[in-house]
mmCIF file of all heavy atoms, coordinates in Angstrom:
data_MODEL
# 
_entry.id   MODEL 
# 
loop_
_atom_site.group_PDB 
_atom_site.id 
_atom_site.type_symbol 
_atom_site.label_atom_id 
_atom_site.label_alt_id 
_atom_site.label_comp_id 
_atom_site.label_asym_id 
_atom_site.label_entity_id 
_atom_site.label_seq_id 
_atom_site.pdbx_PDB_ins_code 
_atom_site.Cartn_x 
_atom_site.Cartn_y 
_atom_site.Cartn_z 
_atom_site.occupancy 
_atom_site.B_iso_or_equiv 
_atom_site.pdbx_formal_charge 
_atom_site.auth_seq_id 
_atom_site.auth_comp_id 
_atom_site.auth_asym_id 
_atom_site.auth_atom_id 
_atom_site.pdbx_PDB_model_num 
ATOM 1   N N   . GLY A 1 1  ? -10.742 -12.439 73.144 1.00 0.00 ? 1  GLY A N   1 
ATOM 2   C CA  . GLY A 1 1  ? -10.162 -13.444 72.252 1.00 0.00 ? 1  GLY A CA  1 
ATOM 3   C C   . GLY A 1 1  ? -10.586 -14.855 72.598 1.00 0.00 ? 1  GLY A C   1 
ATOM 4   O O   . GLY A 1 1  ? -10.942 -15.655 71.735 1.00 0.00 ? 1  GLY A O   1 
ATOM 5   N N   . GLY A 1 2  ? -10.556 -15.179 73.895 1.00 0.00 ? 2  GLY A N   1 
ATOM 6   C CA  . GLY A 1 2  ? -10.956 -16.521 74.329 1.00 0.00 ? 2  GLY A CA  1 
ATOM 7   C C   . GLY A 1 2  ? -12.425 -16.796 74.048 1.00 0.00 ? 2  GLY A C   1 
ATOM 8   O O   . GLY A 1 2  ? -12.808 -17.890 73.650 1.00 0.00 ? 2  GLY A O   1 
ATOM 9   N N   . MET A 1 3  ? -13.289 -15.767 74.261 1.00 0.00 ? 3  MET A N   1 
ATOM 10  C CA  . MET A 1 3  ? -14.715 -15.948 73.996 1.00 0.00 ? 3  MET A CA  1 
ATOM 11  C C   . MET A 1 3  ? -15.006 -16.065 72.513 1.00 0.00 ? 3  MET A C   1 
ATOM 12  O O   . MET A 1 3  ? -15.889 -16.820 72.094 1.00 0.00 ? 3  MET A O   1 
ATOM 13  C CB  . MET A 1 3  ? -15.508 -14.780 74.595 1.00 0.00 ? 3  MET A CB  1 
ATOM 14  C CG  . MET A 1 3  ? -15.634 -14.846 76.108 1.00 0.00 ? 3  MET A CG  1 
ATOM 15  S SD  . MET A 1 3  ? -16.640 -16.266 76.643 1.00 0.00 ? 3  MET A SD  1 
ATOM 16  C CE  . MET A 1 3  ? -15.775 -16.757 78.112 1.00 0.00 ? 3  MET A CE  1 
ATOM 17  N N   . ARG A 1 4  ? -14.244 -15.325 71.690 1.00 0.00 ? 4  ARG A N   1 
ATOM 18  C CA  . ARG A 1 4  ? -14.425 -15.460 70.229 1.00 0.00 ? 4  ARG A CA  1 
ATOM 19  C C   . ARG A 1 4  ? -14.060 -16.872 69.785 1.00 0.00 ? 4  ARG A C   1 
ATOM 20  O O   . ARG A 1 4  ? -14.714 -17.449 68.910 1.00 0.00 ? 4  ARG A O   1 
ATOM 21  C CB  . ARG A 1 4  ? -13.570 -14.431 69.488 1.00 0.00 ? 4  ARG A CB  1 
ATOM 22  C CG  . ARG A 1 4  ? -14.143 -13.039 69.535 1.00 0.00 ? 4  ARG A CG  1 
ATOM 23  C CD  . ARG A 1 4  ? -13.487 -12.137 68.495 1.00 0.00 ? 4  ARG A CD  1 
ATOM 24  N NE  . ARG A 1 4  ? -12.083 -11.899 68.761 1.00 0.00 ? 4  ARG A NE  1 
ATOM 25  C CZ  . ARG A 1 4  ? -11.608 -10.864 69.431 1.00 0.00 ? 4  ARG A CZ  1 
ATOM 26  N NH1 . ARG A 1 4  ? -12.442 -9.959  69.931 1.00 0.00 ? 4  ARG A NH1 1 
ATOM 27  N NH2 . ARG A 1 4  ? -10.305 -10.711 69.610 1.00 0.00 ? 4  ARG A NH2 1 
ATOM 28  N N   . GLN A 1 5  ? -13.002 -17.432 70.400 1.00 0.00 ? 5  GLN A N   1 
ATOM 29  C CA  . GLN A 1 5  ? -12.636 -18.797 70.034 1.00 0.00 ? 5  GLN A CA  1 
ATOM 30  C C   . GLN A 1 5  ? -13.727 -19.771 70.448 1.00 0.00 ? 5  GLN A C   1 
ATOM 31  O O   . GLN A 1 5  ? -14.011 -20.755 69.749 1.00 0.00 ? 5  GLN A O   1 
ATOM 32  C CB  . GLN A 1 5  ? -11.300 -19.156 70.662 1.00 0.00 ? 5  GLN A CB  1 
ATOM 33  C CG  . GLN A 1 5  ? -10.643 -20.418 70.114 1.00 0.00 ? 5  GLN A CG  1 
ATOM 34  C CD  . GLN A 1 5  ? -10.304 -20.317 68.639 1.00 0.00 ? 5  GLN A CD  1 
ATOM 35  O OE1 . GLN A 1 5  ? -11.179 -20.240 67.791 1.00 0.00 ? 5  GLN A OE1 1 
ATOM 36  N NE2 . GLN A 1 5  ? -9.028  -20.335 68.327 1.00 0.00 ? 5  GLN A NE2 1 
ATOM 37  N N   . ARG A 1 6  ? -14.369 -19.523 71.571 1.00 0.00 ? 6  ARG A N   1 
ATOM 38  C CA  . ARG A 1 6  ? -15.504 -20.374 71.985 1.00 0.00 ? 6  ARG A CA  1 
ATOM 39  C C   . ARG A 1 6  ? -16.657 -20.276 70.993 1.00 0.00 ? 6  ARG A C   1 
ATOM 40  O O   . ARG A 1 6  ? -17.317 -21.264 70.702 1.00 0.00 ? 6  ARG A O   1 
ATOM 41  C CB  . ARG A 1 6  ? -15.960 -19.973 73.394 1.00 0.00 ? 6  ARG A CB  1 
ATOM 42  C CG  . ARG A 1 6  ? -14.982 -20.345 74.485 1.00 0.00 ? 6  ARG A CG  1 
ATOM 43  C CD  . ARG A 1 6  ? -15.353 -19.713 75.825 1.00 0.00 ? 6  ARG A CD  1 
ATOM 44  N NE  . ARG A 1 6  ? -14.354 -20.016 76.827 1.00 0.00 ? 6  ARG A NE  1 
ATOM 45  C CZ  . ARG A 1 6  ? -14.409 -21.046 77.667 1.00 0.00 ? 6  ARG A CZ  1 
ATOM 46  N NH1 . ARG A 1 6  ? -15.421 -21.881 77.616 1.00 0.00 ? 6  ARG A NH1 1 
ATOM 47  N NH2 . ARG A 1 6  ? -13.456 -21.254 78.549 1.00 0.00 ? 6  ARG A NH2 1 
ATOM 48  N N   . VAL A 1 7  ? -16.905 -19.059 70.506 1.00 0.00 ? 7  VAL A N   1 
ATOM 49  C CA  . VAL A 1 7  ? -17.949 -18.895 69.485 1.00 0.00 ? 7  VAL A CA  1 
ATOM 50  C C   . VAL A 1 7  ? -17.593 -19.710 68.241 1.00 0.00 ? 7  VAL A C   1 
ATOM 51  O O   . VAL A 1 7  ? -18.465 -20.374 67.648 1.00 0.00 ? 7  VAL A O   1 
ATOM 52  C CB  . VAL A 1 7  ? -18.126 -17.398 69.114 1.00 0.00 ? 7  VAL A CB  1 
ATOM 53  C CG1 . VAL A 1 7  ? -19.068 -17.247 67.912 1.00 0.00 ? 7  VAL A CG1 1 
ATOM 54  C CG2 . VAL A 1 7  ? -18.675 -16.618 70.304 1.00 0.00 ? 7  VAL A CG2 1 
ATOM 55  N N   . MET A 1 8  ? -16.315 -19.681 67.840 1.00 0.00 ? 8  MET A N   1 
ATOM 56  C CA  . MET A 1 8  ? -15.883 -20.457 66.686 1.00 0.00 ? 8  MET A CA  1 
ATOM 57  C C   . MET A 1 8  ? -16.119 -21.950 66.913 1.00 0.00 ? 8  MET A C   1 
ATOM 58  O O   . MET A 1 8  ? -16.508 -22.675 66.002 1.00 0.00 ? 8  MET A O   1 
ATOM 59  C CB  . MET A 1 8  ? -14.398 -20.222 66.395 1.00 0.00 ? 8  MET A CB  1 
ATOM 60  C CG  . MET A 1 8  ? -14.098 -18.953 65.623 1.00 0.00 ? 8  MET A CG  1 
ATOM 61  S SD  . MET A 1 8  ? -14.796 -18.968 63.972 1.00 0.00 ? 8  MET A SD  1 
ATOM 62  C CE  . MET A 1 8  ? -14.009 -20.414 63.275 1.00 0.00 ? 8  MET A CE  1 
ATOM 63  N N   . ILE A 1 9  ? -15.859 -22.423 68.122 1.00 0.00 ? 9  ILE A N   1 
ATOM 64  C CA  . ILE A 1 9  ? -16.077 -23.842 68.435 1.00 0.00 ? 9  ILE A CA  1 
ATOM 65  C C   . ILE A 1 9  ? -17.571 -24.167 68.364 1.00 0.00 ? 9  ILE A C   1 
ATOM 66  O O   . ILE A 1 9  ? -17.973 -25.197 67.810 1.00 0.00 ? 9  ILE A O   1 
ATOM 67  C CB  . ILE A 1 9  ? -15.478 -24.182 69.802 1.00 0.00 ? 9  ILE A CB  1 
ATOM 68  C CG1 . ILE A 1 9  ? -13.953 -24.058 69.755 1.00 0.00 ? 9  ILE A CG1 1 
ATOM 69  C CG2 . ILE A 1 9  ? -15.868 -25.613 70.223 1.00 0.00 ? 9  ILE A CG2 1 
ATOM 70  C CD1 . ILE A 1 9  ? -13.274 -24.206 71.095 1.00 0.00 ? 9  ILE A CD1 1 
ATOM 71  N N   . ALA A 1 10 ? -18.399 -23.277 68.914 1.00 0.00 ? 10 ALA A N   1 
ATOM 72  C CA  . ALA A 1 10 ? -19.849 -23.483 68.818 1.00 0.00 ? 10 ALA A CA  1 
ATOM 73  C C   . ALA A 1 10 ? -20.288 -23.546 67.376 1.00 0.00 ? 10 ALA A C   1 
ATOM 74  O O   . ALA A 1 10 ? -21.102 -24.394 66.985 1.00 0.00 ? 10 ALA A O   1 
ATOM 75  C CB  . ALA A 1 10 ? -20.593 -22.373 69.561 1.00 0.00 ? 10 ALA A CB  1 
ATOM 76  N N   . LEU A 1 11 ? -19.751 -22.652 66.548 1.00 0.00 ? 11 LEU A N   1 
ATOM 77  C CA  . LEU A 1 11 ? -20.091 -22.630 65.124 1.00 0.00 ? 11 LEU A CA  1 
ATOM 78  C C   . LEU A 1 11 ? -19.668 -23.928 64.437 1.00 0.00 ? 11 LEU A C   1 
ATOM 79  O O   . LEU A 1 11 ? -20.385 -24.455 63.580 1.00 0.00 ? 11 LEU A O   1 
ATOM 80  C CB  . LEU A 1 11 ? -19.418 -21.420 64.478 1.00 0.00 ? 11 LEU A CB  1 
ATOM 81  C CG  . LEU A 1 11 ? -19.734 -21.095 63.022 1.00 0.00 ? 11 LEU A CG  1 
ATOM 82  C CD1 . LEU A 1 11 ? -21.225 -20.889 62.833 1.00 0.00 ? 11 LEU A CD1 1 
ATOM 83  C CD2 . LEU A 1 11 ? -18.969 -19.862 62.583 1.00 0.00 ? 11 LEU A CD2 1 
ATOM 84  N N   . ALA A 1 12 ? -18.510 -24.453 64.827 1.00 0.00 ? 12 ALA A N   1 
ATOM 85  C CA  . ALA A 1 12 ? -18.009 -25.691 64.220 1.00 0.00 ? 12 ALA A CA  1 
ATOM 86  C C   . ALA A 1 12 ? -18.809 -26.915 64.668 1.00 0.00 ? 12 ALA A C   1 
ATOM 87  O O   . ALA A 1 12 ? -18.910 -27.894 63.933 1.00 0.00 ? 12 ALA A O   1 
ATOM 88  C CB  . ALA A 1 12 ? -16.528 -25.883 64.555 1.00 0.00 ? 12 ALA A CB  1 
ATOM 89  N N   . LEU A 1 13 ? -19.396 -26.849 65.866 1.00 0.00 ? 13 LEU A N   1 
ATOM 90  C CA  . LEU A 1 13 ? -20.057 -28.025 66.442 1.00 0.00 ? 13 LEU A CA  1 
ATOM 91  C C   . LEU A 1 13 ? -21.585 -28.014 66.297 1.00 0.00 ? 13 LEU A C   1 
ATOM 92  O O   . LEU A 1 13 ? -22.217 -29.045 66.516 1.00 0.00 ? 13 LEU A O   1 
ATOM 93  C CB  . LEU A 1 13 ? -19.731 -28.142 67.936 1.00 0.00 ? 13 LEU A CB  1 
ATOM 94  C CG  . LEU A 1 13 ? -18.266 -28.379 68.308 1.00 0.00 ? 13 LEU A CG  1 
ATOM 95  C CD1 . LEU A 1 13 ? -18.134 -28.410 69.822 1.00 0.00 ? 13 LEU A CD1 1 
ATOM 96  C CD2 . LEU A 1 13 ? -17.773 -29.690 67.713 1.00 0.00 ? 13 LEU A CD2 1 
ATOM 97  N N   . VAL A 1 14 ? -22.165 -26.867 65.918 1.00 0.00 ? 14 VAL A N   1 
ATOM 98  C CA  . VAL A 1 14 ? -23.609 -26.715 66.043 1.00 0.00 ? 14 VAL A CA  1 
ATOM 99  C C   . VAL A 1 14 ? -24.393 -27.686 65.174 1.00 0.00 ? 14 VAL A C   1 
ATOM 100 O O   . VAL A 1 14 ? -25.527 -28.037 65.488 1.00 0.00 ? 14 VAL A O   1 
ATOM 101 C CB  . VAL A 1 14 ? -24.012 -25.242 65.749 1.00 0.00 ? 14 VAL A CB  1 
ATOM 102 C CG1 . VAL A 1 14 ? -23.841 -24.902 64.256 1.00 0.00 ? 14 VAL A CG1 1 
ATOM 103 C CG2 . VAL A 1 14 ? -25.427 -24.950 66.233 1.00 0.00 ? 14 VAL A CG2 1 
ATOM 104 N N   . CYS A 1 15 ? -23.786 -28.175 64.084 1.00 0.00 ? 15 CYS A N   1 
ATOM 105 C CA  . CYS A 1 15 ? -24.460 -29.162 63.242 1.00 0.00 ? 15 CYS A CA  1 
ATOM 106 C C   . CYS A 1 15 ? -24.046 -30.586 63.580 1.00 0.00 ? 15 CYS A C   1 
ATOM 107 O O   . CYS A 1 15 ? -24.343 -31.520 62.821 1.00 0.00 ? 15 CYS A O   1 
ATOM 108 C CB  . CYS A 1 15 ? -24.192 -28.856 61.761 1.00 0.00 ? 15 CYS A CB  1 
ATOM 109 S SG  . CYS A 1 15 ? -24.996 -27.359 61.175 1.00 0.00 ? 15 CYS A SG  1 
ATOM 110 N N   . ARG A 1 16 ? -23.369 -30.738 64.708 1.00 0.00 ? 16 ARG A N   1 
ATOM 111 C CA  . ARG A 1 16 ? -22.956 -32.068 65.210 1.00 0.00 ? 16 ARG A CA  1 
ATOM 112 C C   . ARG A 1 16 ? -22.176 -32.874 64.154 1.00 0.00 ? 16 ARG A C   1 
ATOM 113 O O   . ARG A 1 16 ? -22.599 -33.945 63.725 1.00 0.00 ? 16 ARG A O   1 
ATOM 114 C CB  . ARG A 1 16 ? -24.200 -32.847 65.675 1.00 0.00 ? 16 ARG A CB  1 
ATOM 115 C CG  . ARG A 1 16 ? -24.996 -32.119 66.756 1.00 0.00 ? 16 ARG A CG  1 
ATOM 116 C CD  . ARG A 1 16 ? -26.166 -32.977 67.255 1.00 0.00 ? 16 ARG A CD  1 
ATOM 117 N NE  . ARG A 1 16 ? -26.878 -32.316 68.342 1.00 0.00 ? 16 ARG A NE  1 
ATOM 118 C CZ  . ARG A 1 16 ? -28.016 -31.646 68.186 1.00 0.00 ? 16 ARG A CZ  1 
ATOM 119 N NH1 . ARG A 1 16 ? -28.550 -31.530 66.999 1.00 0.00 ? 16 ARG A NH1 1 
ATOM 120 N NH2 . ARG A 1 16 ? -28.603 -31.070 69.224 1.00 0.00 ? 16 ARG A NH2 1 
ATOM 121 N N   . PRO A 1 17 ? -21.009 -32.356 63.742 1.00 0.00 ? 17 PRO A N   1 
ATOM 122 C CA  . PRO A 1 17 ? -20.235 -33.022 62.686 1.00 0.00 ? 17 PRO A CA  1 
ATOM 123 C C   . PRO A 1 17 ? -19.632 -34.345 63.146 1.00 0.00 ? 17 PRO A C   1 
ATOM 124 O O   . PRO A 1 17 ? -19.442 -34.567 64.346 1.00 0.00 ? 17 PRO A O   1 
ATOM 125 C CB  . PRO A 1 17 ? -19.151 -32.006 62.366 1.00 0.00 ? 17 PRO A CB  1 
ATOM 126 C CG  . PRO A 1 17 ? -18.966 -31.268 63.658 1.00 0.00 ? 17 PRO A CG  1 
ATOM 127 C CD  . PRO A 1 17 ? -20.337 -31.163 64.257 1.00 0.00 ? 17 PRO A CD  1 
ATOM 128 N N   . LYS A 1 18 ? -19.316 -35.184 62.182 1.00 0.00 ? 18 LYS A N   1 
ATOM 129 C CA  . LYS A 1 18 ? -18.619 -36.439 62.464 1.00 0.00 ? 18 LYS A CA  1 
ATOM 130 C C   . LYS A 1 18 ? -17.120 -36.205 62.675 1.00 0.00 ? 18 LYS A C   1 
ATOM 131 O O   . LYS A 1 18 ? -16.453 -36.948 63.382 1.00 0.00 ? 18 LYS A O   1 
ATOM 132 C CB  . LYS A 1 18 ? -18.804 -37.406 61.282 1.00 0.00 ? 18 LYS A CB  1 
ATOM 133 C CG  . LYS A 1 18 ? -20.215 -37.913 61.082 1.00 0.00 ? 18 LYS A CG  1 
ATOM 134 C CD  . LYS A 1 18 ? -20.565 -38.962 62.135 1.00 0.00 ? 18 LYS A CD  1 
ATOM 135 C CE  . LYS A 1 18 ? -21.881 -39.648 61.824 1.00 0.00 ? 18 LYS A CE  1 
ATOM 136 N NZ  . LYS A 1 18 ? -21.786 -40.563 60.662 1.00 0.00 ? 18 LYS A NZ  1 
ATOM 137 N N   . VAL A 1 19 ? -16.578 -35.170 61.993 1.00 0.00 ? 19 VAL A N   1 
ATOM 138 C CA  . VAL A 1 19 ? -15.152 -34.850 62.068 1.00 0.00 ? 19 VAL A CA  1 
ATOM 139 C C   . VAL A 1 19 ? -15.005 -33.372 62.388 1.00 0.00 ? 19 VAL A C   1 
ATOM 140 O O   . VAL A 1 19 ? -15.710 -32.531 61.823 1.00 0.00 ? 19 VAL A O   1 
ATOM 141 C CB  . VAL A 1 19 ? -14.433 -35.159 60.740 1.00 0.00 ? 19 VAL A CB  1 
ATOM 142 C CG1 . VAL A 1 19 ? -12.993 -34.635 60.748 1.00 0.00 ? 19 VAL A CG1 1 
ATOM 143 C CG2 . VAL A 1 19 ? -14.441 -36.655 60.459 1.00 0.00 ? 19 VAL A CG2 1 
ATOM 144 N N   . LEU A 1 20 ? -14.102 -33.069 63.316 1.00 0.00 ? 20 LEU A N   1 
ATOM 145 C CA  . LEU A 1 20 ? -13.785 -31.685 63.646 1.00 0.00 ? 20 LEU A CA  1 
ATOM 146 C C   . LEU A 1 20 ? -12.306 -31.465 63.368 1.00 0.00 ? 20 LEU A C   1 
ATOM 147 O O   . LEU A 1 20 ? -11.455 -32.184 63.885 1.00 0.00 ? 20 LEU A O   1 
ATOM 148 C CB  . LEU A 1 20 ? -14.084 -31.405 65.118 1.00 0.00 ? 20 LEU A CB  1 
ATOM 149 C CG  . LEU A 1 20 ? -13.751 -29.995 65.612 1.00 0.00 ? 20 LEU A CG  1 
ATOM 150 C CD1 . LEU A 1 20 ? -14.642 -28.963 64.946 1.00 0.00 ? 20 LEU A CD1 1 
ATOM 151 C CD2 . LEU A 1 20 ? -13.896 -29.922 67.134 1.00 0.00 ? 20 LEU A CD2 1 
ATOM 152 N N   . ILE A 1 21 ? -11.992 -30.466 62.537 1.00 0.00 ? 21 ILE A N   1 
ATOM 153 C CA  . ILE A 1 21 ? -10.607 -30.095 62.262 1.00 0.00 ? 21 ILE A CA  1 
ATOM 154 C C   . ILE A 1 21 ? -10.315 -28.807 63.015 1.00 0.00 ? 21 ILE A C   1 
ATOM 155 O O   . ILE A 1 21 ? -10.973 -27.777 62.793 1.00 0.00 ? 21 ILE A O   1 
ATOM 156 C CB  . ILE A 1 21 ? -10.373 -29.902 60.749 1.00 0.00 ? 21 ILE A CB  1 
ATOM 157 C CG1 . ILE A 1 21 ? -10.673 -31.199 59.997 1.00 0.00 ? 21 ILE A CG1 1 
ATOM 158 C CG2 . ILE A 1 21 ? -8.937  -29.470 60.489 1.00 0.00 ? 21 ILE A CG2 1 
ATOM 159 C CD1 . ILE A 1 21 ? -10.608 -31.066 58.487 1.00 0.00 ? 21 ILE A CD1 1 
ATOM 160 N N   . ALA A 1 22 ? -9.364  -28.862 63.934 1.00 0.00 ? 22 ALA A N   1 
ATOM 161 C CA  . ALA A 1 22 ? -9.017  -27.714 64.759 1.00 0.00 ? 22 ALA A CA  1 
ATOM 162 C C   . ALA A 1 22 ? -7.607  -27.259 64.391 1.00 0.00 ? 22 ALA A C   1 
ATOM 163 O O   . ALA A 1 22 ? -6.633  -27.947 64.678 1.00 0.00 ? 22 ALA A O   1 
ATOM 164 C CB  . ALA A 1 22 ? -9.112  -28.066 66.241 1.00 0.00 ? 22 ALA A CB  1 
ATOM 165 N N   . ASP A 1 23 ? -7.504  -26.115 63.718 1.00 0.00 ? 23 ASP A N   1 
ATOM 166 C CA  . ASP A 1 23 ? -6.227  -25.610 63.235 1.00 0.00 ? 23 ASP A CA  1 
ATOM 167 C C   . ASP A 1 23 ? -5.675  -24.589 64.221 1.00 0.00 ? 23 ASP A C   1 
ATOM 168 O O   . ASP A 1 23 ? -6.130  -23.443 64.259 1.00 0.00 ? 23 ASP A O   1 
ATOM 169 C CB  . ASP A 1 23 ? -6.411  -24.982 61.854 1.00 0.00 ? 23 ASP A CB  1 
ATOM 170 C CG  . ASP A 1 23 ? -5.087  -24.581 61.213 1.00 0.00 ? 23 ASP A CG  1 
ATOM 171 O OD1 . ASP A 1 23 ? -4.031  -24.858 61.819 1.00 0.00 ? 23 ASP A OD1 1 
ATOM 172 O OD2 . ASP A 1 23 ? -5.103  -23.983 60.116 1.00 0.00 ? 23 ASP A OD2 1 
ATOM 173 N N   . GLU A 1 24 ? -4.707  -25.002 65.031 1.00 0.00 ? 24 GLU A N   1 
ATOM 174 C CA  . GLU A 1 24 ? -4.106  -24.144 66.059 1.00 0.00 ? 24 GLU A CA  1 
ATOM 175 C C   . GLU A 1 24 ? -5.193  -23.438 66.881 1.00 0.00 ? 24 GLU A C   1 
ATOM 176 O O   . GLU A 1 24 ? -5.204  -22.208 66.968 1.00 0.00 ? 24 GLU A O   1 
ATOM 177 C CB  . GLU A 1 24 ? -3.185  -23.108 65.400 1.00 0.00 ? 24 GLU A CB  1 
ATOM 178 C CG  . GLU A 1 24 ? -2.045  -23.685 64.582 1.00 0.00 ? 24 GLU A CG  1 
ATOM 179 C CD  . GLU A 1 24 ? -0.843  -24.053 65.430 1.00 0.00 ? 24 GLU A CD  1 
ATOM 180 O OE1 . GLU A 1 24 ? -0.954  -24.031 66.663 1.00 0.00 ? 24 GLU A OE1 1 
ATOM 181 O OE2 . GLU A 1 24 ? 0.211   -24.388 64.841 1.00 0.00 ? 24 GLU A OE2 1 
ATOM 182 N N   . PRO A 1 25 ? -6.096  -24.192 67.510 1.00 0.00 ? 25 PRO A N   1 
ATOM 183 C CA  . PRO A 1 25 ? -7.233  -23.540 68.172 1.00 0.00 ? 25 PRO A CA  1 
ATOM 184 C C   . PRO A 1 25 ? -6.870  -22.732 69.404 1.00 0.00 ? 25 PRO A C   1 
ATOM 185 O O   . PRO A 1 25 ? -7.694  -21.963 69.896 1.00 0.00 ? 25 PRO A O   1 
ATOM 186 C CB  . PRO A 1 25 ? -8.127  -24.722 68.561 1.00 0.00 ? 25 PRO A CB  1 
ATOM 187 C CG  . PRO A 1 25 ? -7.186  -25.870 68.726 1.00 0.00 ? 25 PRO A CG  1 
ATOM 188 C CD  . PRO A 1 25 ? -6.128  -25.651 67.677 1.00 0.00 ? 25 PRO A CD  1 
ATOM 189 N N   . THR A 1 26 ? -5.645  -22.876 69.911 1.00 0.00 ? 26 THR A N   1 
ATOM 190 C CA  . THR A 1 26 ? -5.265  -22.140 71.121 1.00 0.00 ? 26 THR A CA  1 
ATOM 191 C C   . THR A 1 26 ? -4.167  -21.104 70.865 1.00 0.00 ? 26 THR A C   1 
ATOM 192 O O   . THR A 1 26 ? -3.634  -20.525 71.801 1.00 0.00 ? 26 THR A O   1 
ATOM 193 C CB  . THR A 1 26 ? -4.791  -23.107 72.220 1.00 0.00 ? 26 THR A CB  1 
ATOM 194 O OG1 . THR A 1 26 ? -3.656  -23.855 71.741 1.00 0.00 ? 26 THR A OG1 1 
ATOM 195 C CG2 . THR A 1 26 ? -5.891  -24.068 72.608 1.00 0.00 ? 26 THR A CG2 1 
ATOM 196 N N   . THR A 1 27 ? -3.819  -20.887 69.588 1.00 0.00 ? 27 THR A N   1 
ATOM 197 C CA  . THR A 1 27 ? -2.795  -19.896 69.271 1.00 0.00 ? 27 THR A CA  1 
ATOM 198 C C   . THR A 1 27 ? -3.216  -18.518 69.758 1.00 0.00 ? 27 THR A C   1 
ATOM 199 O O   . THR A 1 27 ? -4.363  -18.127 69.611 1.00 0.00 ? 27 THR A O   1 
ATOM 200 C CB  . THR A 1 27 ? -2.546  -19.862 67.753 1.00 0.00 ? 27 THR A CB  1 
ATOM 201 O OG1 . THR A 1 27 ? -2.014  -21.125 67.357 1.00 0.00 ? 27 THR A OG1 1 
ATOM 202 C CG2 . THR A 1 27 ? -1.553  -18.791 67.374 1.00 0.00 ? 27 THR A CG2 1 
# 
């Protein structure tokens, strides 16, 4: 579960966005 969440973070960051929305990222 923790590694899948890391993959999600990589997916959200890979295009170097200006804004990151994290919806309950540690639930």
